[in-house]
Full PDB file with SEQRES, HELIX, SHEET, SSBOND, CRYST1, ORIGX, SCALE, CONECT and MASTER records, all heavy atoms in Angstrom:
SEQRES   1 A   45  TRP ASN SER ALA GLY VAL THR THR ILE CYS ALA LEU LEU          
SEQRES   2 A   45  VAL LEU THR GLY HIS ILE TRP PRO VAL PHE ILE GLY PHE          
SEQRES   3 A   45  LYS GLY GLY ARG GLY THR ALA SER GLY TRP ALA ALA LEU          
SEQRES   4 A   45  PHE VAL LEU SER PRO ILE                                      
HELIX    1 AA1 ALA A    4  ILE A   19  1                                  16    
HELIX    2 AA2 VAL A   22  ILE A   24  5                                   3    
HELIX    3 AA3 THR A   32  LEU A   42  1                                  11    
CRYST1    1.000    1.000    1.000  90.00  90.00  90.00 P 1           1          
ORIGX1      1.000000  0.000000  0.000000        0.00000                         
ORIGX2      0.000000  1.000000  0.000000        0.00000                         
ORIGX3      0.000000  0.000000  1.000000        0.00000                         
SCALE1      1.000000  0.000000  0.000000        0.00000                         
SCALE2      0.000000  1.000000  0.000000        0.00000                         
SCALE3      0.000000  0.000000  1.000000        0.00000                         
ATOM      1  N   TRP A   1     152.975  40.816 -46.380  1.00  0.00           N  
ATOM      2  CA  TRP A   1     154.289  40.592 -46.988  1.00  0.00           C  
ATOM      3  C   TRP A   1     154.404  39.298 -47.768  1.00  0.00           C  
ATOM      4  O   TRP A   1     155.366  39.101 -48.489  1.00  0.00           O  
ATOM      5  CB  TRP A   1     155.380  40.653 -45.912  1.00  0.00           C  
ATOM      6  CG  TRP A   1     155.624  42.064 -45.507  1.00  0.00           C  
ATOM      7  CD1 TRP A   1     156.415  42.983 -46.133  1.00  0.00           C  
ATOM      8  CD2 TRP A   1     155.020  42.738 -44.412  1.00  0.00           C  
ATOM      9  NE1 TRP A   1     156.345  44.184 -45.484  1.00  0.00           N  
ATOM     10  CE2 TRP A   1     155.496  44.074 -44.424  1.00  0.00           C  
ATOM     11  CE3 TRP A   1     154.118  42.376 -43.418  1.00  0.00           C  
ATOM     12  CZ2 TRP A   1     155.107  45.022 -43.485  1.00  0.00           C  
ATOM     13  CZ3 TRP A   1     153.727  43.319 -42.482  1.00  0.00           C  
ATOM     14  CH2 TRP A   1     154.229  44.623 -42.520  1.00  0.00           C  
ATOM     15  N   ASN A   2     153.460  38.403 -47.625  1.00  0.00           N  
ATOM     16  CA  ASN A   2     153.497  37.148 -48.374  1.00  0.00           C  
ATOM     17  C   ASN A   2     154.859  36.483 -48.263  1.00  0.00           C  
ATOM     18  O   ASN A   2     155.437  35.998 -49.245  1.00  0.00           O  
ATOM     19  CB  ASN A   2     153.153  37.402 -49.852  1.00  0.00           C  
ATOM     20  CG  ASN A   2     152.887  36.106 -50.614  1.00  0.00           C  
ATOM     21  OD1 ASN A   2     152.431  35.137 -50.031  1.00  0.00           O  
ATOM     22  ND2 ASN A   2     153.186  36.109 -51.903  1.00  0.00           N  
ATOM     23  N   SER A   3     155.377  36.491 -47.047  1.00  0.00           N  
ATOM     24  CA  SER A   3     156.703  35.931 -46.786  1.00  0.00           C  
ATOM     25  C   SER A   3     156.603  34.906 -45.666  1.00  0.00           C  
ATOM     26  O   SER A   3     156.113  35.213 -44.575  1.00  0.00           O  
ATOM     27  CB  SER A   3     157.678  37.041 -46.389  1.00  0.00           C  
ATOM     28  OG  SER A   3     158.846  36.510 -45.787  1.00  0.00           O  
ATOM     29  N   ALA A   4     157.069  33.691 -45.922  1.00  0.00           N  
ATOM     30  CA  ALA A   4     157.030  32.642 -44.904  1.00  0.00           C  
ATOM     31  C   ALA A   4     157.892  33.013 -43.706  1.00  0.00           C  
ATOM     32  O   ALA A   4     157.556  32.699 -42.565  1.00  0.00           O  
ATOM     33  CB  ALA A   4     157.499  31.322 -45.506  1.00  0.00           C  
ATOM     34  N   GLY A   5     159.004  33.701 -43.972  1.00  0.00           N  
ATOM     35  CA  GLY A   5     159.884  34.107 -42.887  1.00  0.00           C  
ATOM     36  C   GLY A   5     159.222  35.104 -41.965  1.00  0.00           C  
ATOM     37  O   GLY A   5     159.260  34.972 -40.735  1.00  0.00           O  
ATOM     38  N   VAL A   6     158.596  36.131 -42.553  1.00  0.00           N  
ATOM     39  CA  VAL A   6     157.900  37.144 -41.758  1.00  0.00           C  
ATOM     40  C   VAL A   6     156.735  36.520 -41.003  1.00  0.00           C  
ATOM     41  O   VAL A   6     156.503  36.803 -39.823  1.00  0.00           O  
ATOM     42  CB  VAL A   6     157.391  38.294 -42.656  1.00  0.00           C  
ATOM     43  CG1 VAL A   6     156.521  39.258 -41.848  1.00  0.00           C  
ATOM     44  CG2 VAL A   6     158.564  39.039 -43.276  1.00  0.00           C  
ATOM     45  N   THR A   7     155.991  35.653 -41.674  1.00  0.00           N  
ATOM     46  CA  THR A   7     154.846  34.996 -41.045  1.00  0.00           C  
ATOM     47  C   THR A   7     155.286  34.156 -39.848  1.00  0.00           C  
ATOM     48  O   THR A   7     154.630  34.158 -38.800  1.00  0.00           O  
ATOM     49  CB  THR A   7     154.121  34.091 -42.062  1.00  0.00           C  
ATOM     50  OG1 THR A   7     153.714  34.877 -43.187  1.00  0.00           O  
ATOM     51  CG2 THR A   7     152.906  33.450 -41.441  1.00  0.00           C  
ATOM     52  N   THR A   8     156.401  33.458 -39.986  1.00  0.00           N  
ATOM     53  CA  THR A   8     156.916  32.648 -38.880  1.00  0.00           C  
ATOM     54  C   THR A   8     157.316  33.525 -37.703  1.00  0.00           C  
ATOM     55  O   THR A   8     157.034  33.202 -36.544  1.00  0.00           O  
ATOM     56  CB  THR A   8     158.126  31.819 -39.341  1.00  0.00           C  
ATOM     57  OG1 THR A   8     157.752  31.000 -40.452  1.00  0.00           O  
ATOM     58  CG2 THR A   8     158.638  30.932 -38.214  1.00  0.00           C  
ATOM     59  N   ILE A   9     157.960  34.645 -37.998  1.00  0.00           N  
ATOM     60  CA  ILE A   9     158.359  35.573 -36.938  1.00  0.00           C  
ATOM     61  C   ILE A   9     157.131  36.114 -36.217  1.00  0.00           C  
ATOM     62  O   ILE A   9     157.101  36.196 -34.983  1.00  0.00           O  
ATOM     63  CB  ILE A   9     159.194  36.730 -37.525  1.00  0.00           C  
ATOM     64  CG1 ILE A   9     160.557  36.210 -37.995  1.00  0.00           C  
ATOM     65  CG2 ILE A   9     159.387  37.840 -36.484  1.00  0.00           C  
ATOM     66  CD1 ILE A   9     161.365  37.232 -38.767  1.00  0.00           C  
ATOM     67  N   CYS A  10     156.099  36.468 -36.973  1.00  0.00           N  
ATOM     68  CA  CYS A  10     154.856  36.969 -36.372  1.00  0.00           C  
ATOM     69  C   CYS A  10     154.248  35.915 -35.450  1.00  0.00           C  
ATOM     70  O   CYS A  10     153.779  36.236 -34.351  1.00  0.00           O  
ATOM     71  CB  CYS A  10     153.862  37.353 -37.455  1.00  0.00           C  
ATOM     72  SG  CYS A  10     154.324  38.813 -38.419  1.00  0.00           S  
ATOM     73  N   ALA A  11     154.246  34.656 -35.897  1.00  0.00           N  
ATOM     74  CA  ALA A  11     153.676  33.572 -35.099  1.00  0.00           C  
ATOM     75  C   ALA A  11     154.446  33.380 -33.799  1.00  0.00           C  
ATOM     76  O   ALA A  11     153.852  33.211 -32.723  1.00  0.00           O  
ATOM     77  CB  ALA A  11     153.675  32.273 -35.905  1.00  0.00           C  
ATOM     78  N   LEU A  12     155.755  33.426 -33.879  1.00  0.00           N  
ATOM     79  CA  LEU A  12     156.569  33.248 -32.680  1.00  0.00           C  
ATOM     80  C   LEU A  12     156.446  34.430 -31.733  1.00  0.00           C  
ATOM     81  O   LEU A  12     156.426  34.258 -30.501  1.00  0.00           O  
ATOM     82  CB  LEU A  12     158.033  33.037 -33.073  1.00  0.00           C  
ATOM     83  CG  LEU A  12     158.366  31.683 -33.699  1.00  0.00           C  
ATOM     84  CD1 LEU A  12     159.793  31.674 -34.229  1.00  0.00           C  
ATOM     85  CD2 LEU A  12     158.170  30.554 -32.679  1.00  0.00           C  
ATOM     86  N   LEU A  13     156.333  35.636 -32.291  1.00  0.00           N  
ATOM     87  CA  LEU A  13     156.279  36.818 -31.440  1.00  0.00           C  
ATOM     88  C   LEU A  13     154.924  37.004 -30.766  1.00  0.00           C  
ATOM     89  O   LEU A  13     154.857  37.467 -29.626  1.00  0.00           O  
ATOM     90  CB  LEU A  13     156.636  38.066 -32.249  1.00  0.00           C  
ATOM     91  CG  LEU A  13     158.131  38.196 -32.546  1.00  0.00           C  
ATOM     92  CD1 LEU A  13     158.392  39.361 -33.483  1.00  0.00           C  
ATOM     93  CD2 LEU A  13     158.915  38.388 -31.256  1.00  0.00           C  
ATOM     94  N   VAL A  14     153.837  36.633 -31.444  1.00  0.00           N  
ATOM     95  CA  VAL A  14     152.537  36.731 -30.783  1.00  0.00           C  
ATOM     96  C   VAL A  14     152.471  35.703 -29.647  1.00  0.00           C  
ATOM     97  O   VAL A  14     151.892  35.971 -28.582  1.00  0.00           O  
ATOM     98  CB  VAL A  14     151.379  36.552 -31.783  1.00  0.00           C  
ATOM     99  CG1 VAL A  14     151.236  35.115 -32.235  1.00  0.00           C  
ATOM    100  CG2 VAL A  14     150.068  37.048 -31.186  1.00  0.00           C  
ATOM    101  N   LEU A  15     153.082  34.549 -29.851  1.00  0.00           N  
ATOM    102  CA  LEU A  15     153.160  33.540 -28.797  1.00  0.00           C  
ATOM    103  C   LEU A  15     154.032  34.034 -27.639  1.00  0.00           C  
ATOM    104  O   LEU A  15     153.663  33.886 -26.463  1.00  0.00           O  
ATOM    105  CB  LEU A  15     153.742  32.242 -29.371  1.00  0.00           C  
ATOM    106  CG  LEU A  15     153.956  31.080 -28.397  1.00  0.00           C  
ATOM    107  CD1 LEU A  15     152.639  30.654 -27.766  1.00  0.00           C  
ATOM    108  CD2 LEU A  15     154.609  29.904 -29.111  1.00  0.00           C  
ATOM    109  N   THR A  16     155.158  34.654 -27.974  1.00  0.00           N  
ATOM    110  CA  THR A  16     156.044  35.205 -26.945  1.00  0.00           C  
ATOM    111  C   THR A  16     155.341  36.295 -26.149  1.00  0.00           C  
ATOM    112  O   THR A  16     155.476  36.377 -24.922  1.00  0.00           O  
ATOM    113  CB  THR A  16     157.315  35.783 -27.597  1.00  0.00           C  
ATOM    114  OG1 THR A  16     157.984  34.750 -28.333  1.00  0.00           O  
ATOM    115  CG2 THR A  16     158.263  36.345 -26.543  1.00  0.00           C  
ATOM    116  N   GLY A  17     154.569  37.132 -26.855  1.00  0.00           N  
ATOM    117  CA  GLY A  17     153.836  38.189 -26.174  1.00  0.00           C  
ATOM    118  C   GLY A  17     152.821  37.637 -25.199  1.00  0.00           C  
ATOM    119  O   GLY A  17     152.630  38.179 -24.101  1.00  0.00           O  
ATOM    120  N   HIS A  18     152.148  36.549 -25.575  1.00  0.00           N  
ATOM    121  CA  HIS A  18     151.159  35.947 -24.677  1.00  0.00           C  
ATOM    122  C   HIS A  18     151.832  35.356 -23.438  1.00  0.00           C  
ATOM    123  O   HIS A  18     151.311  35.473 -22.321  1.00  0.00           O  
ATOM    124  CB  HIS A  18     150.382  34.854 -25.403  1.00  0.00           C  
ATOM    125  CG  HIS A  18     149.356  34.195 -24.537  1.00  0.00           C  
ATOM    126  ND1 HIS A  18     148.152  34.784 -24.228  1.00  0.00           N  
ATOM    127  CD2 HIS A  18     149.370  32.994 -23.878  1.00  0.00           C  
ATOM    128  CE1 HIS A  18     147.462  33.988 -23.418  1.00  0.00           C  
ATOM    129  NE2 HIS A  18     148.178  32.895 -23.210  1.00  0.00           N  
ATOM    130  N   ILE A  19     152.983  34.743 -23.626  1.00  0.00           N  
ATOM    131  CA  ILE A  19     153.692  34.106 -22.511  1.00  0.00           C  
ATOM    132  C   ILE A  19     154.369  35.132 -21.614  1.00  0.00           C  
ATOM    133  O   ILE A  19     154.337  35.013 -20.386  1.00  0.00           O  
ATOM    134  CB  ILE A  19     154.719  33.094 -23.044  1.00  0.00           C  
ATOM    135  CG1 ILE A  19     153.993  31.942 -23.759  1.00  0.00           C  
ATOM    136  CG2 ILE A  19     155.581  32.542 -21.916  1.00  0.00           C  
ATOM    137  CD1 ILE A  19     154.927  30.966 -24.461  1.00  0.00           C  
ATOM    138  N   TRP A  20     154.965  36.155 -22.230  1.00  0.00           N  
ATOM    139  CA  TRP A  20     155.656  37.194 -21.465  1.00  0.00           C  
ATOM    140  C   TRP A  20     155.123  38.574 -21.871  1.00  0.00           C  
ATOM    141  O   TRP A  20     155.798  39.330 -22.579  1.00  0.00           O  
ATOM    142  CB  TRP A  20     157.164  37.113 -21.716  1.00  0.00           C  
ATOM    143  CG  TRP A  20     157.779  35.864 -21.177  1.00  0.00           C  
ATOM    144  CD1 TRP A  20     157.967  35.533 -19.872  1.00  0.00           C  
ATOM    145  CD2 TRP A  20     158.314  34.763 -21.936  1.00  0.00           C  
ATOM    146  NE1 TRP A  20     158.565  34.304 -19.761  1.00  0.00           N  
ATOM    147  CE2 TRP A  20     158.793  33.804 -21.010  1.00  0.00           C  
ATOM    148  CE3 TRP A  20     158.430  34.495 -23.299  1.00  0.00           C  
ATOM    149  CZ2 TRP A  20     159.376  32.600 -21.409  1.00  0.00           C  
ATOM    150  CZ3 TRP A  20     158.999  33.303 -23.705  1.00  0.00           C  
ATOM    151  CH2 TRP A  20     159.478  32.370 -22.769  1.00  0.00           C  
ATOM    152  N   PRO A  21     153.910  38.907 -21.450  1.00  0.00           N  
ATOM    153  CA  PRO A  21     153.269  40.160 -21.882  1.00  0.00           C  
ATOM    154  C   PRO A  21     153.801  41.398 -21.157  1.00  0.00           C  
ATOM    155  O   PRO A  21     153.887  41.427 -19.933  1.00  0.00           O  
ATOM    156  CB  PRO A  21     151.788  39.919 -21.520  1.00  0.00           C  
ATOM    157  CG  PRO A  21     151.842  38.965 -20.376  1.00  0.00           C  
ATOM    158  CD  PRO A  21     153.039  38.097 -20.594  1.00  0.00           C  
ATOM    159  N   VAL A  22     154.139  42.392 -21.943  1.00  0.00           N  
ATOM    160  CA  VAL A  22     154.696  43.620 -21.383  1.00  0.00           C  
ATOM    161  C   VAL A  22     153.680  44.360 -20.521  1.00  0.00           C  
ATOM    162  O   VAL A  22     154.048  45.061 -19.575  1.00  0.00           O  
ATOM    163  CB  VAL A  22     155.207  44.534 -22.521  1.00  0.00           C  
ATOM    164  CG1 VAL A  22     154.045  44.994 -23.411  1.00  0.00           C  
ATOM    165  CG2 VAL A  22     155.974  45.736 -21.970  1.00  0.00           C  
ATOM    166  N   PHE A  23     152.390  44.201 -20.807  1.00  0.00           N  
ATOM    167  CA  PHE A  23     151.363  44.973 -20.117  1.00  0.00           C  
ATOM    168  C   PHE A  23     151.122  44.526 -18.682  1.00  0.00           C  
ATOM    169  O   PHE A  23     150.553  45.282 -17.888  1.00  0.00           O  
ATOM    170  CB  PHE A  23     150.039  44.915 -20.896  1.00  0.00           C  
ATOM    171  CG  PHE A  23     150.137  45.445 -22.291  1.00  0.00           C  
ATOM    172  CD1 PHE A  23     149.748  44.672 -23.373  1.00  0.00           C  
ATOM    173  CD2 PHE A  23     150.633  46.726 -22.534  1.00  0.00           C  
ATOM    174  CE1 PHE A  23     149.839  45.166 -24.668  1.00  0.00           C  
ATOM    175  CE2 PHE A  23     150.732  47.224 -23.817  1.00  0.00           C  
ATOM    176  CZ  PHE A  23     150.336  46.446 -24.892  1.00  0.00           C  
ATOM    177  N   ILE A  24     151.517  43.310 -18.322  1.00  0.00           N  
ATOM    178  CA  ILE A  24     151.285  42.835 -16.955  1.00  0.00           C  
ATOM    179  C   ILE A  24     152.558  42.235 -16.349  1.00  0.00           C  
ATOM    180  O   ILE A  24     152.531  41.205 -15.685  1.00  0.00           O  
ATOM    181  CB  ILE A  24     150.123  41.818 -16.892  1.00  0.00           C  
ATOM    182  CG1 ILE A  24     150.325  40.669 -17.888  1.00  0.00           C  
ATOM    183  CG2 ILE A  24     148.792  42.499 -17.151  1.00  0.00           C  
ATOM    184  CD1 ILE A  24     149.303  39.550 -17.735  1.00  0.00           C  
ATOM    185  N   GLY A  25     153.656  42.896 -16.588  1.00  0.00           N  
ATOM    186  CA  GLY A  25     154.905  42.507 -15.940  1.00  0.00           C  
ATOM    187  C   GLY A  25     155.549  41.239 -16.453  1.00  0.00           C  
ATOM    188  O   GLY A  25     156.275  40.566 -15.711  1.00  0.00           O  
ATOM    189  N   PHE A  26     155.305  40.900 -17.709  1.00  0.00           N  
ATOM    190  CA  PHE A  26     155.961  39.763 -18.370  1.00  0.00           C  
ATOM    191  C   PHE A  26     155.611  38.407 -17.732  1.00  0.00           C  
ATOM    192  O   PHE A  26     156.380  37.461 -17.837  1.00  0.00           O  
ATOM    193  CB  PHE A  26     157.482  39.953 -18.382  1.00  0.00           C  
ATOM    194  CG  PHE A  26     157.906  41.221 -19.057  1.00  0.00           C  
ATOM    195  CD1 PHE A  26     158.268  42.333 -18.304  1.00  0.00           C  
ATOM    196  CD2 PHE A  26     157.915  41.335 -20.444  1.00  0.00           C  
ATOM    197  CE1 PHE A  26     158.634  43.519 -18.926  1.00  0.00           C  
ATOM    198  CE2 PHE A  26     158.287  42.514 -21.068  1.00  0.00           C  
ATOM    199  CZ  PHE A  26     158.654  43.616 -20.308  1.00  0.00           C  
ATOM    200  N   LYS A  27     154.466  38.338 -17.069  1.00  0.00           N  
ATOM    201  CA  LYS A  27     154.010  37.076 -16.480  1.00  0.00           C  
ATOM    202  C   LYS A  27     152.652  36.727 -17.079  1.00  0.00           C  
ATOM    203  O   LYS A  27     151.621  37.187 -16.598  1.00  0.00           O  
ATOM    204  CB  LYS A  27     153.923  37.182 -14.958  1.00  0.00           C  
ATOM    205  CG  LYS A  27     155.275  37.414 -14.294  1.00  0.00           C  
ATOM    206  CD  LYS A  27     155.135  37.529 -12.784  1.00  0.00           C  
ATOM    207  CE  LYS A  27     156.506  37.761 -12.141  1.00  0.00           C  
ATOM    208  NZ  LYS A  27     156.394  37.889 -10.660  1.00  0.00           N  
ATOM    209  N   GLY A  28     152.671  35.927 -18.138  1.00  0.00           N  
ATOM    210  CA  GLY A  28     151.441  35.645 -18.867  1.00  0.00           C  
ATOM    211  C   GLY A  28     150.999  34.213 -18.822  1.00  0.00           C  
ATOM    212  O   GLY A  28     151.211  33.508 -17.829  1.00  0.00           O  
ATOM    213  N   GLY A  29     150.391  33.755 -19.908  1.00  0.00           N  
ATOM    214  CA  GLY A  29     149.831  32.419 -19.969  1.00  0.00           C  
ATOM    215  C   GLY A  29     150.826  31.386 -20.438  1.00  0.00           C  
ATOM    216  O   GLY A  29     152.014  31.662 -20.590  1.00  0.00           O  
ATOM    217  N   ARG A  30     150.307  30.198 -20.693  1.00  0.00           N  
ATOM    218  CA  ARG A  30     151.176  29.091 -21.087  1.00  0.00           C  
ATOM    219  C   ARG A  30     151.278  28.938 -22.599  1.00  0.00           C  
ATOM    220  O   ARG A  30     152.022  28.091 -23.085  1.00  0.00           O  
ATOM    221  CB  ARG A  30     150.693  27.803 -20.425  1.00  0.00           C  
ATOM    222  CG  ARG A  30     150.852  27.861 -18.916  1.00  0.00           C  
ATOM    223  CD  ARG A  30     150.550  26.530 -18.252  1.00  0.00           C  
ATOM    224  NE  ARG A  30     150.870  26.604 -16.838  1.00  0.00           N  
ATOM    225  CZ  ARG A  30     150.037  26.990 -15.883  1.00  0.00           C  
ATOM    226  NH1 ARG A  30     148.801  27.344 -16.209  1.00  0.00           N  
ATOM    227  NH2 ARG A  30     150.408  27.030 -14.629  1.00  0.00           N  
ATOM    228  N   GLY A  31     150.500  29.691 -23.328  1.00  0.00           N  
ATOM    229  CA  GLY A  31     150.672  29.746 -24.773  1.00  0.00           C  
ATOM    230  C   GLY A  31     149.897  28.727 -25.585  1.00  0.00           C  
ATOM    231  O   GLY A  31     150.006  28.717 -26.819  1.00  0.00           O  
ATOM    232  N   THR A  32     149.095  27.885 -24.935  1.00  0.00           N  
ATOM    233  CA  THR A  32     148.420  26.820 -25.675  1.00  0.00           C  
ATOM    234  C   THR A  32     147.459  27.361 -26.733  1.00  0.00           C  
ATOM    235  O   THR A  32     147.517  26.971 -27.904  1.00  0.00           O  
ATOM    236  CB  THR A  32     147.647  25.900 -24.714  1.00  0.00           C  
ATOM    237  OG1 THR A  32     148.557  25.352 -23.753  1.00  0.00           O  
ATOM    238  CG2 THR A  32     146.995  24.763 -25.484  1.00  0.00           C  
ATOM    239  N   ALA A  33     146.557  28.259 -26.333  1.00  0.00           N  
ATOM    240  CA  ALA A  33     145.550  28.773 -27.269  1.00  0.00           C  
ATOM    241  C   ALA A  33     146.199  29.560 -28.405  1.00  0.00           C  
ATOM    242  O   ALA A  33     145.850  29.377 -29.579  1.00  0.00           O  
ATOM    243  CB  ALA A  33     144.539  29.655 -26.529  1.00  0.00           C  
ATOM    244  N   SER A  34     147.140  30.428 -28.058  1.00  0.00           N  
ATOM    245  CA  SER A  34     147.802  31.229 -29.085  1.00  0.00           C  
ATOM    246  C   SER A  34     148.627  30.362 -30.028  1.00  0.00           C  
ATOM    247  O   SER A  34     148.640  30.572 -31.246  1.00  0.00           O  
ATOM    248  CB  SER A  34     148.697  32.287 -28.421  1.00  0.00           C  
ATOM    249  OG  SER A  34     147.920  33.227 -27.721  1.00  0.00           O  
ATOM    250  N   GLY A  35     149.324  29.383 -29.478  1.00  0.00           N  
ATOM    251  CA  GLY A  35     150.115  28.488 -30.309  1.00  0.00           C  
ATOM    252  C   GLY A  35     149.254  27.610 -31.193  1.00  0.00           C  
ATOM    253  O   GLY A  35     149.580  27.366 -32.361  1.00  0.00           O  
ATOM    254  N   TRP A  36     148.139  27.151 -30.646  1.00  0.00           N  
ATOM    255  CA  TRP A  36     147.198  26.310 -31.388  1.00  0.00           C  
ATOM    256  C   TRP A  36     146.626  27.067 -32.586  1.00  0.00           C  
ATOM    257  O   TRP A  36     146.573  26.549 -33.708  1.00  0.00           O  
ATOM    258  CB  TRP A  36     146.093  25.878 -30.442  1.00  0.00           C  
ATOM    259  CG  TRP A  36     145.076  24.918 -30.973  1.00  0.00           C  
ATOM    260  CD1 TRP A  36     145.231  24.019 -31.990  1.00  0.00           C  
ATOM    261  CD2 TRP A  36     143.739  24.748 -30.491  1.00  0.00           C  
ATOM    262  NE1 TRP A  36     144.075  23.287 -32.170  1.00  0.00           N  
ATOM    263  CE2 TRP A  36     143.146  23.719 -31.256  1.00  0.00           C  
ATOM    264  CE3 TRP A  36     142.993  25.342 -29.476  1.00  0.00           C  
ATOM    265  CZ2 TRP A  36     141.836  23.299 -31.042  1.00  0.00           C  
ATOM    266  CZ3 TRP A  36     141.693  24.924 -29.261  1.00  0.00           C  
ATOM    267  CH2 TRP A  36     141.132  23.914 -30.040  1.00  0.00           C  
ATOM    268  N   ALA A  37     146.223  28.320 -32.343  1.00  0.00           N  
ATOM    269  CA  ALA A  37     145.651  29.128 -33.423  1.00  0.00           C  
ATOM    270  C   ALA A  37     146.684  29.413 -34.511  1.00  0.00           C  
ATOM    271  O   ALA A  37     146.390  29.317 -35.706  1.00  0.00           O  
ATOM    272  CB  ALA A  37     145.106  30.439 -32.855  1.00  0.00           C  
ATOM    273  N   ALA A  38     147.899  29.777 -34.087  1.00  0.00           N  
ATOM    274  CA  ALA A  38     148.954  30.047 -35.064  1.00  0.00           C  
ATOM    275  C   ALA A  38     149.260  28.804 -35.893  1.00  0.00           C  
ATOM    276  O   ALA A  38     149.493  28.884 -37.105  1.00  0.00           O  
ATOM    277  CB  ALA A  38     150.218  30.529 -34.353  1.00  0.00           C  
ATOM    278  N   LEU A  39     149.242  27.651 -35.247  1.00  0.00           N  
ATOM    279  CA  LEU A  39     149.500  26.394 -35.943  1.00  0.00           C  
ATOM    280  C   LEU A  39     148.460  26.158 -37.031  1.00  0.00           C  
ATOM    281  O   LEU A  39     148.792  25.760 -38.152  1.00  0.00           O  
ATOM    282  CB  LEU A  39     149.481  25.238 -34.941  1.00  0.00           C  
ATOM    283  CG  LEU A  39     149.819  23.848 -35.483  1.00  0.00           C  
ATOM    284  CD1 LEU A  39     151.282  23.792 -35.908  1.00  0.00           C  
ATOM    285  CD2 LEU A  39     149.532  22.781 -34.423  1.00  0.00           C  
ATOM    286  N   PHE A  40     147.198  26.439 -36.721  1.00  0.00           N  
ATOM    287  CA  PHE A  40     146.134  26.255 -37.708  1.00  0.00           C  
ATOM    288  C   PHE A  40     146.322  27.165 -38.916  1.00  0.00           C  
ATOM    289  O   PHE A  40     146.071  26.768 -40.055  1.00  0.00           O  
ATOM    290  CB  PHE A  40     144.773  26.535 -37.070  1.00  0.00           C  
ATOM    291  CG  PHE A  40     144.028  25.293 -36.670  1.00  0.00           C  
ATOM    292  CD1 PHE A  40     143.878  24.979 -35.329  1.00  0.00           C  
ATOM    293  CD2 PHE A  40     143.495  24.445 -37.623  1.00  0.00           C  
ATOM    294  CE1 PHE A  40     143.197  23.831 -34.948  1.00  0.00           C  
ATOM    295  CE2 PHE A  40     142.809  23.303 -37.252  1.00  0.00           C  
ATOM    296  CZ  PHE A  40     142.659  22.984 -35.902  1.00  0.00           C  
ATOM    297  N   VAL A  41     146.767  28.403 -38.677  1.00  0.00           N  
ATOM    298  CA  VAL A  41     146.956  29.343 -39.780  1.00  0.00           C  
ATOM    299  C   VAL A  41     148.142  28.916 -40.652  1.00  0.00           C  
ATOM    300  O   VAL A  41     148.062  28.930 -41.879  1.00  0.00           O  
ATOM    301  CB  VAL A  41     147.177  30.777 -39.265  1.00  0.00           C  
ATOM    302  CG1 VAL A  41     147.447  31.728 -40.433  1.00  0.00           C  
ATOM    303  CG2 VAL A  41     145.961  31.258 -38.477  1.00  0.00           C  
ATOM    304  N   LEU A  42     149.235  28.540 -40.005  1.00  0.00           N  
ATOM    305  CA  LEU A  42     150.434  28.148 -40.745  1.00  0.00           C  
ATOM    306  C   LEU A  42     150.238  26.832 -41.482  1.00  0.00           C  
ATOM    307  O   LEU A  42     150.658  26.671 -42.630  1.00  0.00           O  
ATOM    308  CB  LEU A  42     151.623  28.019 -39.786  1.00  0.00           C  
ATOM    309  CG  LEU A  42     152.080  29.285 -39.067  1.00  0.00           C  
ATOM    310  CD1 LEU A  42     153.200  28.949 -38.096  1.00  0.00           C  
ATOM    311  CD2 LEU A  42     152.534  30.346 -40.059  1.00  0.00           C  
ATOM    312  N   SER A  43     149.618  25.875 -40.806  1.00  0.00           N  
ATOM    313  CA  SER A  43     149.443  24.541 -41.393  1.00  0.00           C  
ATOM    314  C   SER A  43     148.163  23.915 -40.859  1.00  0.00           C  
ATOM    315  O   SER A  43     148.169  23.281 -39.795  1.00  0.00           O  
ATOM    316  CB  SER A  43     150.651  23.641 -41.035  1.00  0.00           C  
ATOM    317  OG  SER A  43     150.425  22.307 -41.436  1.00  0.00           O  
ATOM    318  N   PRO A  44     147.056  24.101 -41.567  1.00  0.00           N  
ATOM    319  CA  PRO A  44     145.780  23.539 -41.103  1.00  0.00           C  
ATOM    320  C   PRO A  44     145.852  22.046 -40.805  1.00  0.00           C  
ATOM    321  O   PRO A  44     145.232  21.570 -39.854  1.00  0.00           O  
ATOM    322  CB  PRO A  44     144.843  23.828 -42.280  1.00  0.00           C  
ATOM    323  CG  PRO A  44     145.421  25.051 -42.927  1.00  0.00           C  
ATOM    324  CD  PRO A  44     146.907  24.882 -42.806  1.00  0.00           C  
ATOM    325  N   ILE A  45     146.610  21.309 -41.600  1.00  0.00           N  
ATOM    326  CA  ILE A  45     146.747  19.869 -41.358  1.00  0.00           C  
ATOM    327  C   ILE A  45     147.359  19.619 -39.986  1.00  0.00           C  
ATOM    328  O   ILE A  45     146.888  18.761 -39.218  1.00  0.00           O  
ATOM    329  CB  ILE A  45     147.610  19.206 -42.456  1.00  0.00           C  
ATOM    330  CG1 ILE A  45     146.900  19.266 -43.806  1.00  0.00           C  
ATOM    331  CG2 ILE A  45     147.943  17.765 -42.089  1.00  0.00           C  
ATOM    332  CD1 ILE A  45     147.730  18.740 -44.957  1.00  0.00           C  
TER     333      ILE A  45                                                      
MASTER        0    0    0    3    0    0    0    6  332    1    0    4          
END                                                                             
């Protein structure tokens, strides 16, 4: 979509999914790795 808004939503939702995953009862990780990776994609600096 080449949209900053959509990209931001995707980044937040993949992080939310990792923290509260539907597949294992909404009890997931702390989000560090997923957030770190998303940060690199959005802003390498």
